[in-house]
C-alpha atoms as a PDB file:
ATOM      1  CA  MET A   1     -27.513 -17.686 -35.595  1.00  0.00           C
ATOM      2  CA  THR A   2     -25.994 -16.046 -32.483  1.00  0.00           C
ATOM      3  CA  ALA A   3     -23.402 -13.264 -32.627  1.00  0.00           C
ATOM      4  CA  LEU A   4     -20.903 -15.740 -31.197  1.00  0.00           C
ATOM      5  CA  ALA A   5     -21.673 -18.302 -33.955  1.00  0.00           C
ATOM      6  CA  LYS A   6     -21.414 -15.606 -36.527  1.00  0.00           C
ATOM      7  CA  ALA A   7     -18.055 -14.394 -35.231  1.00  0.00           C
ATOM      8  CA  GLU A   8     -16.653 -17.954 -35.517  1.00  0.00           C
ATOM      9  CA  HIS A   9     -17.019 -17.642 -39.305  1.00  0.00           C
ATOM     10  CA  LEU A  10     -14.660 -14.603 -39.524  1.00  0.00           C
ATOM     11  CA  THR A  11     -11.317 -15.074 -41.024  1.00  0.00           C
ATOM     12  CA  ILE A  12      -7.987 -13.533 -40.106  1.00  0.00           C
ATOM     13  CA  ARG A  13      -7.911 -11.930 -43.526  1.00  0.00           C
ATOM     14  CA  GLN A  14     -11.202 -10.210 -42.960  1.00  0.00           C
ATOM     15  CA  LEU A  15     -10.264  -8.959 -39.577  1.00  0.00           C
ATOM     16  CA  ARG A  16      -7.071  -7.557 -41.006  1.00  0.00           C
ATOM     17  CA  ILE A  17      -9.111  -5.718 -43.706  1.00  0.00           C
ATOM     18  CA  ALA A  18     -11.500  -4.346 -40.959  1.00  0.00           C
ATOM     19  CA  ALA A  19      -8.589  -3.028 -39.010  1.00  0.00           C
ATOM     20  CA  ALA A  20      -6.963  -1.463 -42.073  1.00  0.00           C
ATOM     21  CA  ILE A  21     -10.210   0.259 -43.038  1.00  0.00           C
ATOM     22  CA  GLY A  22     -10.682   1.577 -39.505  1.00  0.00           C
ATOM     23  CA  ASP A  23      -7.101   3.002 -39.547  1.00  0.00           C
ATOM     24  CA  ALA A  24      -7.262   4.413 -43.015  1.00  0.00           C
ATOM     25  CA  GLY A  25     -10.759   5.735 -42.873  1.00  0.00           C
ATOM     26  CA  SER A  26     -11.396   4.823 -46.535  1.00  0.00           C
ATOM     27  CA  LEU A  27     -11.474   1.770 -48.708  1.00  0.00           C
ATOM     28  CA  VAL A  28      -8.864   3.213 -51.002  1.00  0.00           C
ATOM     29  CA  GLY A  29      -6.485   3.905 -48.071  1.00  0.00           C
ATOM     30  CA  ALA A  30      -7.015   0.260 -46.716  1.00  0.00           C
ATOM     31  CA  ALA A  31      -6.267  -1.083 -50.206  1.00  0.00           C
ATOM     32  CA  ALA A  32      -2.988   0.872 -50.319  1.00  0.00           C
ATOM     33  CA  THR A  33      -2.004  -0.351 -46.907  1.00  0.00           C
ATOM     34  CA  LEU A  34      -2.586  -3.935 -47.670  1.00  0.00           C
ATOM     35  CA  ASN A  35      -1.256  -3.678 -51.268  1.00  0.00           C
ATOM     36  CA  VAL A  36      -4.461  -4.964 -52.886  1.00  0.00           C
ATOM     37  CA  THR A  37      -7.077  -3.311 -55.095  1.00  0.00           C
ATOM     38  CA  GLN A  38     -10.011  -1.214 -53.887  1.00  0.00           C
ATOM     39  CA  PRO A  39     -12.610  -3.695 -55.292  1.00  0.00           C
ATOM     40  CA  THR A  40     -10.973  -6.452 -53.274  1.00  0.00           C
ATOM     41  CA  ILE A  41     -11.380  -4.430 -50.097  1.00  0.00           C
ATOM     42  CA  SER A  42     -14.996  -3.501 -50.998  1.00  0.00           C
ATOM     43  CA  LYS A  43     -15.937  -7.088 -51.609  1.00  0.00           C
ATOM     44  CA  ALA A  44     -14.339  -8.244 -48.322  1.00  0.00           C
ATOM     45  CA  LEU A  45     -16.220  -5.603 -46.477  1.00  0.00           C
ATOM     46  CA  HIS A  46     -19.541  -6.758 -47.984  1.00  0.00           C
ATOM     47  CA  GLU A  47     -18.728 -10.260 -47.056  1.00  0.00           C
ATOM     48  CA  LEU A  48     -17.823  -9.246 -43.479  1.00  0.00           C
ATOM     49  CA  GLU A  49     -21.014  -7.271 -42.990  1.00  0.00           C
ATOM     50  CA  ALA A  50     -23.012 -10.124 -44.350  1.00  0.00           C
ATOM     51  CA  ILE A  51     -21.533 -12.543 -41.808  1.00  0.00           C
ATOM     52  CA  VAL A  52     -22.080 -10.352 -38.783  1.00  0.00           C
ATOM     53  CA  GLY A  53     -25.445  -9.054 -39.927  1.00  0.00           C
ATOM     54  CA  VAL A  54     -24.783  -5.353 -39.189  1.00  0.00           C
ATOM     55  CA  GLU A  55     -23.335  -2.424 -40.954  1.00  0.00           C
ATOM     56  CA  LEU A  56     -19.824  -1.832 -39.860  1.00  0.00           C
ATOM     57  CA  PHE A  57     -18.913   1.270 -41.825  1.00  0.00           C
ATOM     58  CA  GLU A  58     -21.055   4.223 -43.038  1.00  0.00           C
ATOM     59  CA  ARG A  59     -20.053   5.382 -46.549  1.00  0.00           C
ATOM     60  CA  THR A  60     -19.591   9.143 -46.856  1.00  0.00           C
ATOM     61  CA  ARG A  61     -18.081  11.456 -49.544  1.00  0.00           C
ATOM     62  CA  ARG A  62     -14.852  11.546 -47.773  1.00  0.00           C
ATOM     63  CA  GLY A  63     -14.581   7.824 -47.090  1.00  0.00           C
ATOM     64  CA  VAL A  64     -15.979   5.554 -44.483  1.00  0.00           C
ATOM     65  CA  VAL A  65     -16.796   6.046 -40.690  1.00  0.00           C
ATOM     66  CA  PRO A  66     -17.179   3.164 -38.429  1.00  0.00           C
ATOM     67  CA  THR A  67     -20.500   2.500 -36.736  1.00  0.00           C
ATOM     68  CA  LEU A  68     -20.820   1.388 -33.147  1.00  0.00           C
ATOM     69  CA  PHE A  69     -20.439  -2.169 -34.324  1.00  0.00           C
ATOM     70  CA  GLY A  70     -17.571  -1.145 -36.552  1.00  0.00           C
ATOM     71  CA  ILE A  71     -15.673   0.486 -33.668  1.00  0.00           C
ATOM     72  CA  ALA A  72     -16.035  -2.697 -31.537  1.00  0.00           C
ATOM     73  CA  LEU A  73     -14.931  -4.994 -34.330  1.00  0.00           C
ATOM     74  CA  VAL A  74     -11.918  -2.864 -35.275  1.00  0.00           C
ATOM     75  CA  ARG A  75     -10.822  -2.801 -31.660  1.00  0.00           C
ATOM     76  CA  HIS A  76     -10.875  -6.469 -31.314  1.00  0.00           C
ATOM     77  CA  ALA A  77      -9.353  -7.034 -34.756  1.00  0.00           C
ATOM     78  CA  LYS A  78      -6.392  -4.832 -33.922  1.00  0.00           C
ATOM     79  CA  LEU A  79      -5.893  -6.659 -30.577  1.00  0.00           C
ATOM     80  CA  LEU A  80      -5.917  -9.973 -32.423  1.00  0.00           C
ATOM     81  CA  MET A  81      -3.494  -8.740 -35.089  1.00  0.00           C
ATOM     82  CA  SER A  82      -1.206  -7.674 -32.248  1.00  0.00           C
ATOM     83  CA  GLN A  83      -1.385 -11.083 -30.505  1.00  0.00           C
ATOM     84  CA  ILE A  84      -0.692 -12.823 -33.916  1.00  0.00           C
ATOM     85  CA  ARG A  85       2.374 -10.499 -34.430  1.00  0.00           C
ATOM     86  CA  HIS A  86       3.650 -11.284 -30.995  1.00  0.00           C
ATOM     87  CA  ALA A  87       3.161 -14.994 -31.573  1.00  0.00           C
ATOM     88  CA  ALA A  88       5.137 -14.846 -34.725  1.00  0.00           C
ATOM     89  CA  GLU A  89       7.970 -12.929 -33.020  1.00  0.00           C
ATOM     90  CA  GLU A  90       8.016 -15.513 -30.149  1.00  0.00           C
ATOM     91  CA  LEU A  91       8.096 -18.503 -32.588  1.00  0.00           C
ATOM     92  CA  ALA A  92      11.046 -16.813 -34.405  1.00  0.00           C
ATOM     93  CA  ASP A  93      12.818 -16.341 -31.091  1.00  0.00           C
ATOM     94  CA  LEU A  94      12.239 -19.956 -30.141  1.00  0.00           C
ATOM     95  CA  LYS A  95      13.459 -21.072 -33.530  1.00  0.00           C
ATOM     96  CA  ASP A  96      16.817 -19.339 -33.210  1.00  0.00           C
ATOM     97  CA  GLY A  97      17.000 -20.635 -29.592  1.00  0.00           C
ATOM     98  CA  THR A  98      17.464 -17.203 -27.848  1.00  0.00           C
ATOM     99  CA  GLY A  99      13.955 -16.043 -26.997  1.00  0.00           C
ATOM    100  CA  GLY A 100      10.662 -17.112 -25.579  1.00  0.00           C
ATOM    101  CA  ARG A 101       8.734 -16.171 -22.483  1.00  0.00           C
ATOM    102  CA  VAL A 102       8.216 -17.787 -19.023  1.00  0.00           C
ATOM    103  CA  VAL A 103       6.365 -16.800 -15.995  1.00  0.00           C
ATOM    104  CA  VAL A 104       7.944 -17.875 -12.680  1.00  0.00           C
ATOM    105  CA  GLY A 105       6.255 -17.898  -9.287  1.00  0.00           C
ATOM    106  CA  THR A 106       8.631 -17.685  -6.377  1.00  0.00           C
ATOM    107  CA  LEU A 107       8.430 -18.084  -2.712  1.00  0.00           C
ATOM    108  CA  LEU A 108      10.670 -16.234  -0.295  1.00  0.00           C
ATOM    109  CA  ALA A 109      12.902 -19.296   0.232  1.00  0.00           C
ATOM    110  CA  ALA A 110      14.073 -19.135  -3.397  1.00  0.00           C
ATOM    111  CA  SER A 111      14.119 -15.372  -4.002  1.00  0.00           C
ATOM    112  CA  ALA A 112      17.409 -14.437  -2.282  1.00  0.00           C
ATOM    113  CA  THR A 113      20.009 -16.415  -4.235  1.00  0.00           C
ATOM    114  CA  LEU A 114      18.583 -19.607  -5.860  1.00  0.00           C
ATOM    115  CA  LEU A 115      16.170 -17.927  -8.355  1.00  0.00           C
ATOM    116  CA  PRO A 116      18.274 -14.923  -9.341  1.00  0.00           C
ATOM    117  CA  GLY A 117      21.309 -17.197 -10.058  1.00  0.00           C
ATOM    118  CA  ALA A 118      19.103 -19.425 -12.189  1.00  0.00           C
ATOM    119  CA  ILE A 119      17.698 -16.588 -14.130  1.00  0.00           C
ATOM    120  CA  ALA A 120      21.104 -15.033 -14.755  1.00  0.00           C
ATOM    121  CA  ARG A 121      22.415 -18.312 -16.228  1.00  0.00           C
ATOM    122  CA  LEU A 122      19.232 -18.860 -18.384  1.00  0.00           C
ATOM    123  CA  ARG A 123      19.449 -15.298 -19.729  1.00  0.00           C
ATOM    124  CA  ARG A 124      23.065 -15.930 -20.808  1.00  0.00           C
ATOM    125  CA  GLU A 125      21.846 -18.970 -22.768  1.00  0.00           C
ATOM    126  CA  ARG A 126      18.767 -17.086 -24.122  1.00  0.00           C
ATOM    127  CA  PRO A 127      19.522 -13.347 -24.226  1.00  0.00           C
ATOM    128  CA  ARG A 128      16.049 -12.527 -25.691  1.00  0.00           C
ATOM    129  CA  LEU A 129      14.179 -14.538 -23.178  1.00  0.00           C
ATOM    130  CA  SER A 130      11.358 -12.650 -21.502  1.00  0.00           C
ATOM    131  CA  ILE A 131      10.939 -13.571 -17.797  1.00  0.00           C
ATOM    132  CA  GLN A 132       8.155 -12.528 -15.421  1.00  0.00           C
ATOM    133  CA  VAL A 133       8.543 -13.175 -11.796  1.00  0.00           C
ATOM    134  CA  ILE A 134       5.598 -13.351  -9.427  1.00  0.00           C
ATOM    135  CA  GLU A 135       6.087 -13.453  -5.667  1.00  0.00           C
ATOM    136  CA  GLY A 136       3.600 -15.050  -3.457  1.00  0.00           C
ATOM    137  CA  THR A 137       2.873 -18.132  -1.290  1.00  0.00           C
ATOM    138  CA  ASN A 138       1.903 -21.616  -2.312  1.00  0.00           C
ATOM    139  CA  ASP A 139      -1.827 -21.073  -1.569  1.00  0.00           C
ATOM    140  CA  VAL A 140      -1.773 -18.417  -4.256  1.00  0.00           C
ATOM    141  CA  LEU A 141       0.894 -19.577  -6.710  1.00  0.00           C
ATOM    142  CA  ILE A 142      -0.053 -23.296  -6.966  1.00  0.00           C
ATOM    143  CA  PRO A 143      -3.600 -22.519  -8.262  1.00  0.00           C
ATOM    144  CA  ALA A 144      -2.088 -20.093 -10.779  1.00  0.00           C
ATOM    145  CA  LEU A 145       0.289 -22.846 -11.877  1.00  0.00           C
ATOM    146  CA  LYS A 146      -2.614 -25.232 -12.492  1.00  0.00           C
ATOM    147  CA  ALA A 147      -4.625 -22.551 -14.191  1.00  0.00           C
ATOM    148  CA  GLY A 148      -1.705 -21.906 -16.759  1.00  0.00           C
ATOM    149  CA  ASP A 149      -1.063 -18.365 -15.551  1.00  0.00           C
ATOM    150  CA  ILE A 150       2.400 -19.430 -14.171  1.00  0.00           C
ATOM    151  CA  ASP A 151       4.862 -21.905 -15.842  1.00  0.00           C
ATOM    152  CA  VAL A 152       6.766 -22.957 -12.733  1.00  0.00           C
ATOM    153  CA  VAL A 153       6.938 -22.318  -8.982  1.00  0.00           C
ATOM    154  CA  VAL A 154      10.252 -22.198  -7.277  1.00  0.00           C
ATOM    155  CA  GLY A 155      10.604 -22.257  -3.405  1.00  0.00           C
ATOM    156  CA  ARG A 156       9.686 -24.189  -0.323  1.00  0.00           C
ATOM    157  CA  LEU A 157       7.708 -27.220  -1.423  1.00  0.00           C
ATOM    158  CA  SER A 158       4.411 -27.568   0.125  1.00  0.00           C
ATOM    159  CA  GLU A 159       3.829 -30.124   2.954  1.00  0.00           C
ATOM    160  CA  HIS A 160       0.721 -31.210   0.962  1.00  0.00           C
ATOM    161  CA  ARG A 161       2.402 -32.411  -2.300  1.00  0.00           C
ATOM    162  CA  ALA A 162       0.276 -35.418  -3.054  1.00  0.00           C
ATOM    163  CA  SER A 163      -1.260 -33.994  -6.198  1.00  0.00           C
ATOM    164  CA  PRO A 164      -1.257 -36.010  -9.477  1.00  0.00           C
ATOM    165  CA  ASP A 165      -1.397 -32.745 -11.432  1.00  0.00           C
ATOM    166  CA  LEU A 166       2.018 -31.490 -10.145  1.00  0.00           C
ATOM    167  CA  ARG A 167       5.567 -32.697 -10.678  1.00  0.00           C
ATOM    168  CA  HIS A 168       8.139 -31.818  -8.060  1.00  0.00           C
ATOM    169  CA  GLU A 169      11.905 -31.503  -8.307  1.00  0.00           C
ATOM    170  CA  ILE A 170      13.805 -31.176  -4.929  1.00  0.00           C
ATOM    171  CA  LEU A 171      16.936 -29.106  -5.350  1.00  0.00           C
ATOM    172  CA  LEU A 172      18.059 -28.864  -1.699  1.00  0.00           C
ATOM    173  CA  SER A 173      16.830 -29.045   1.867  1.00  0.00           C
ATOM    174  CA  GLU A 174      16.925 -26.101   4.183  1.00  0.00           C
ATOM    175  CA  GLY A 175      15.510 -24.936   7.457  1.00  0.00           C
ATOM    176  CA  ALA A 176      14.356 -21.425   8.499  1.00  0.00           C
ATOM    177  CA  CYS A 177      15.762 -19.387  11.316  1.00  0.00           C
ATOM    178  CA  VAL A 178      14.650 -16.804  13.903  1.00  0.00           C
ATOM    179  CA  VAL A 179      15.662 -13.272  12.971  1.00  0.00           C
ATOM    180  CA  VAL A 180      15.727  -9.992  14.940  1.00  0.00           C
ATOM    181  CA  ARG A 181      17.267  -6.603  14.144  1.00  0.00           C
ATOM    182  CA  ALA A 182      20.905  -6.081  14.959  1.00  0.00           C
ATOM    183  CA  GLY A 183      21.020  -4.636  18.450  1.00  0.00           C
ATOM    184  CA  HIS A 184      17.740  -6.357  19.617  1.00  0.00           C
ATOM    185  CA  PRO A 185      17.916  -7.341  23.318  1.00  0.00           C
ATOM    186  CA  LEU A 186      17.604 -10.938  22.465  1.00  0.00           C
ATOM    187  CA  ALA A 187      20.683 -10.766  20.198  1.00  0.00           C
ATOM    188  CA  ARG A 188      22.764 -10.145  23.332  1.00  0.00           C
ATOM    189  CA  LYS A 189      21.413 -13.179  25.057  1.00  0.00           C
ATOM    190  CA  ARG A 190      24.039 -16.078  24.998  1.00  0.00           C
ATOM    191  CA  ARG A 191      21.574 -18.977  24.769  1.00  0.00           C
ATOM    192  CA  PRO A 192      18.076 -17.827  23.878  1.00  0.00           C
ATOM    193  CA  GLU A 193      15.374 -20.430  24.000  1.00  0.00           C
ATOM    194  CA  LEU A 194      12.057 -20.699  22.349  1.00  0.00           C
ATOM    195  CA  ALA A 195      10.292 -19.790  25.613  1.00  0.00           C
ATOM    196  CA  ASP A 196      12.056 -16.408  25.493  1.00  0.00           C
ATOM    197  CA  LEU A 197      10.135 -15.565  22.323  1.00  0.00           C
ATOM    198  CA  ALA A 198       6.640 -16.368  23.524  1.00  0.00           C
ATOM    199  CA  ALA A 199       5.878 -12.806  24.696  1.00  0.00           C
ATOM    200  CA  CYS A 200       7.647 -11.053  21.839  1.00  0.00           C
ATOM    201  CA  ASP A 201       5.929  -9.135  19.031  1.00  0.00           C
ATOM    202  CA  TRP A 202       6.076 -11.167  15.942  1.00  0.00           C
ATOM    203  CA  ILE A 203       6.017 -10.676  12.172  1.00  0.00           C
ATOM    204  CA  LEU A 204       4.793 -13.994  10.729  1.00  0.00           C
ATOM    205  CA  PRO A 205       3.577 -15.532   7.483  1.00  0.00           C
ATOM    206  CA  ARG A 206      -0.070 -16.055   6.999  1.00  0.00           C
ATOM    207  CA  ALA A 207      -1.761 -18.890   8.987  1.00  0.00           C
ATOM    208  CA  GLU A 208      -2.584 -20.909   5.735  1.00  0.00           C
ATOM    209  CA  THR A 209       1.190 -21.101   4.758  1.00  0.00           C
ATOM    210  CA  THR A 210       3.418 -24.144   5.218  1.00  0.00           C
ATOM    211  CA  LEU A 211       6.036 -22.131   7.169  1.00  0.00           C
ATOM    212  CA  ARG A 212       3.466 -20.741   9.647  1.00  0.00           C
ATOM    213  CA  ARG A 213       2.161 -24.231  10.393  1.00  0.00           C
ATOM    214  CA  GLN A 214       5.668 -25.460  10.908  1.00  0.00           C
ATOM    215  CA  ILE A 215       6.409 -22.591  13.305  1.00  0.00           C
ATOM    216  CA  ASP A 216       3.280 -23.335  15.286  1.00  0.00           C
ATOM    217  CA  LYS A 217       4.173 -27.027  15.450  1.00  0.00           C
ATOM    218  CA  ASP A 218       7.646 -26.254  16.965  1.00  0.00           C
ATOM    219  CA  PHE A 219       6.068 -24.089  19.703  1.00  0.00           C
ATOM    220  CA  ALA A 220       3.439 -26.811  20.461  1.00  0.00           C
ATOM    221  CA  GLU A 221       6.033 -29.526  20.618  1.00  0.00           C
ATOM    222  CA  ALA A 222       7.963 -27.406  23.126  1.00  0.00           C
ATOM    223  CA  GLY A 223       4.829 -27.125  25.231  1.00  0.00           C
ATOM    224  CA  LEU A 224       4.379 -23.478  24.357  1.00  0.00           C
ATOM    225  CA  ARG A 225       1.477 -21.589  22.828  1.00  0.00           C
ATOM    226  CA  PRO A 226       2.148 -20.494  19.200  1.00  0.00           C
ATOM    227  CA  PRO A 227       3.110 -16.864  18.907  1.00  0.00           C
ATOM    228  CA  ALA A 228       0.345 -14.344  18.017  1.00  0.00           C
ATOM    229  CA  SER A 229       0.920 -12.636  14.754  1.00  0.00           C
ATOM    230  CA  VAL A 230       1.192  -8.911  15.444  1.00  0.00           C
ATOM    231  CA  ILE A 231       2.146  -8.251  11.830  1.00  0.00           C
ATOM    232  CA  ASP A 232       0.781 -10.428   9.014  1.00  0.00           C
ATOM    233  CA  SER A 233       1.931  -9.261   5.603  1.00  0.00           C
ATOM    234  CA  VAL A 234       2.892 -10.794   2.273  1.00  0.00           C
ATOM    235  CA  SER A 235       5.163  -7.840   1.446  1.00  0.00           C
ATOM    236  CA  PHE A 236       8.786  -8.813   2.339  1.00  0.00           C
ATOM    237  CA  LEU A 237      10.003  -5.209   1.978  1.00  0.00           C
ATOM    238  CA  THR A 238       7.385  -4.013   4.437  1.00  0.00           C
ATOM    239  CA  LYS A 239       8.235  -6.820   6.882  1.00  0.00           C
ATOM    240  CA  ARG A 240      12.008  -6.150   6.615  1.00  0.00           C
ATOM    241  CA  LYS A 241      11.605  -2.453   7.199  1.00  0.00           C
ATOM    242  CA  LEU A 242       9.447  -3.104  10.298  1.00  0.00           C
ATOM    243  CA  LEU A 243      11.980  -5.587  11.579  1.00  0.00           C
ATOM    244  CA  LEU A 244      14.888  -3.244  11.228  1.00  0.00           C
ATOM    245  CA  GLN A 245      13.327  -0.367  13.017  1.00  0.00           C
ATOM    246  CA  ASP A 246      11.738  -2.041  16.072  1.00  0.00           C
ATOM    247  CA  ASP A 247      12.085  -5.106  18.386  1.00  0.00           C
ATOM    248  CA  TYR A 248      10.118  -7.484  16.370  1.00  0.00           C
ATOM    249  CA  VAL A 249      10.860 -11.208  15.865  1.00  0.00           C
ATOM    250  CA  THR A 250      10.394 -13.070  12.622  1.00  0.00           C
ATOM    251  CA  VAL A 251      11.357 -16.339  10.885  1.00  0.00           C
ATOM    252  CA  TRP A 252      13.119 -16.193   7.465  1.00  0.00           C
ATOM    253  CA  PRO A 253      14.393 -18.954   5.216  1.00  0.00           C
ATOM    254  CA  ARG A 254      18.115 -19.390   6.096  1.00  0.00           C
ATOM    255  CA  GLN A 255      19.458 -18.096   2.734  1.00  0.00           C
ATOM    256  CA  VAL A 256      17.446 -14.891   2.984  1.00  0.00           C
ATOM    257  CA  ALA A 257      18.714 -14.426   6.521  1.00  0.00           C
ATOM    258  CA  LEU A 258      22.362 -14.967   5.594  1.00  0.00           C
ATOM    259  CA  GLU A 259      21.973 -12.449   2.723  1.00  0.00           C
ATOM    260  CA  HIS A 260      20.995  -9.783   5.229  1.00  0.00           C
ATOM    261  CA  LEU A 261      23.460 -10.973   7.920  1.00  0.00           C
ATOM    262  CA  GLY A 262      26.290 -10.075   5.580  1.00  0.00           C
ATOM    263  CA  ARG A 263      24.993  -6.523   5.574  1.00  0.00           C
ATOM    264  CA  GLN A 264      25.145  -6.509   9.428  1.00  0.00           C
ATOM    265  CA  GLU A 265      21.471  -5.561   9.493  1.00  0.00           C
ATOM    266  CA  ILE A 266      20.048  -8.504  11.472  1.00  0.00           C
ATOM    267  CA  SER A 267      21.029 -11.162  14.013  1.00  0.00           C
ATOM    268  CA  ILE A 268      20.216 -14.839  13.730  1.00  0.00           C
ATOM    269  CA  LEU A 269      19.080 -16.306  17.058  1.00  0.00           C
ATOM    270  CA  GLU A 270      20.571 -19.732  17.647  1.00  0.00           C
ATOM    271  CA  ILE A 271      17.243 -21.322  18.174  1.00  0.00           C
ATOM    272  CA  ASP A 272      16.336 -24.626  16.400  1.00  0.00           C
ATOM    273  CA  LEU A 273      13.089 -24.874  14.414  1.00  0.00           C
ATOM    274  CA  PRO A 274      13.245 -28.464  13.342  1.00  0.00           C
ATOM    275  CA  SER A 275       9.867 -28.598  11.688  1.00  0.00           C
ATOM    276  CA  THR A 276      10.869 -25.886   9.158  1.00  0.00           C
ATOM    277  CA  PHE A 277      13.614 -28.067   7.739  1.00  0.00           C
ATOM    278  CA  GLY A 278      12.340 -29.392   4.422  1.00  0.00           C
ATOM    279  CA  PRO A 279      12.773 -29.417   0.623  1.00  0.00           C
ATOM    280  CA  ILE A 280      13.249 -26.391  -1.595  1.00  0.00           C
ATOM    281  CA  GLY A 281      12.516 -27.018  -5.234  1.00  0.00           C
ATOM    282  CA  ILE A 282      10.416 -26.664  -8.343  1.00  0.00           C
ATOM    283  CA  ASN A 283       6.741 -27.228  -8.936  1.00  0.00           C
ATOM    284  CA  LYS A 284       5.633 -27.887 -12.461  1.00  0.00           C
ATOM    285  CA  TYR A 285       2.276 -28.783 -13.847  1.00  0.00           C
ATOM    286  CA  ALA A 286       2.505 -32.350 -15.043  1.00  0.00           C
ATOM    287  CA  ARG A 287       0.103 -32.052 -17.922  1.00  0.00           C
ATOM    288  CA  ARG A 288       1.804 -29.065 -19.500  1.00  0.00           C
ATOM    289  CA  ARG A 289       5.104 -28.871 -21.360  1.00  0.00           C
ATOM    290  CA  HIS A 290       6.556 -25.436 -21.840  1.00  0.00           C
ATOM    291  CA  PRO A 291       8.583 -24.865 -24.989  1.00  0.00           C
ATOM    292  CA  VAL A 292      11.317 -22.939 -23.127  1.00  0.00           C
ATOM    293  CA  PRO A 293      13.514 -25.119 -20.743  1.00  0.00           C
ATOM    294  CA  VAL A 294      12.034 -23.362 -17.747  1.00  0.00           C
ATOM    295  CA  LEU A 295      14.740 -22.470 -15.263  1.00  0.00           C
ATOM    296  CA  ARG A 296      16.976 -25.308 -16.357  1.00  0.00           C
ATOM    297  CA  GLY A 297      19.835 -23.455 -14.751  1.00  0.00           C
ATOM    298  CA  VAL A 298      18.185 -23.730 -11.382  1.00  0.00           C
ATOM    299  CA  ASP A 299      19.097 -27.426 -11.244  1.00  0.00           C
ATOM    300  CA  ARG A 300      22.875 -26.623 -11.507  1.00  0.00           C
ATOM    301  CA  GLY A 301      22.677 -23.660  -9.122  1.00  0.00           C
ATOM    302  CA  SER A 302      23.890 -23.613  -5.583  1.00  0.00           C
ATOM    303  CA  PRO A 303      21.860 -22.025  -2.826  1.00  0.00           C
END
């Protein structure tokens, strides 16, 4: 019988006893910890060693010392006990309706106001809810959603949405806008055109993203070559800092741009990018139902 097959015969009780022996360093100490008799612990240890086929603890005058195999088993047993404890806590939270855990993937289009507002409302309903937010682009977030690492993705919906594994909820439609720093020479131009941007230094999303393809399409339909990406970064903070300190041009979702416009940090150029107008919403994996009403508040939110 293989080691894996043997491990499948272990019980939670046996693993709990192994962890207790490892912590206490003696069978008597483990018995006291678990509130059972010492013979019960001794019998369980013999059964455990018979199953795995190796000695887990060396008996000494002062107690027991874990062998190499014992060290490994105790480590995994303690991890498993911790996971079981966390599972019990989460179930209790879900039962009283205030807890749980969700992992949210977000694209830039949702990160300015839509997602923060939804999280705030959801946390008021479930004050013990744990929320993890992962920023990225659809080419990274959607595979993670399908793999079960993310519960829901909020942001600009991909132009390639014909996937039977995904369910989409459109919340609003929005376009992107051309952004420069306040004081940029183009900000003083009364009627800038797309052709004025062709020779500029650009900060752009990656070529495989939906937004980048839309930008390139608008340039092509205007008879212009798409801009070269001088800066290509997934870090919004880095891109924002670069934009504010030099004469770069970039494209941001309108809600993100309006957020910074209110701080008088940037200028929005009145240049249409019609291909960027599209749905903002939620991606969920159709075959999985999460026990927490994931971002239910986002449906009631306003951008």
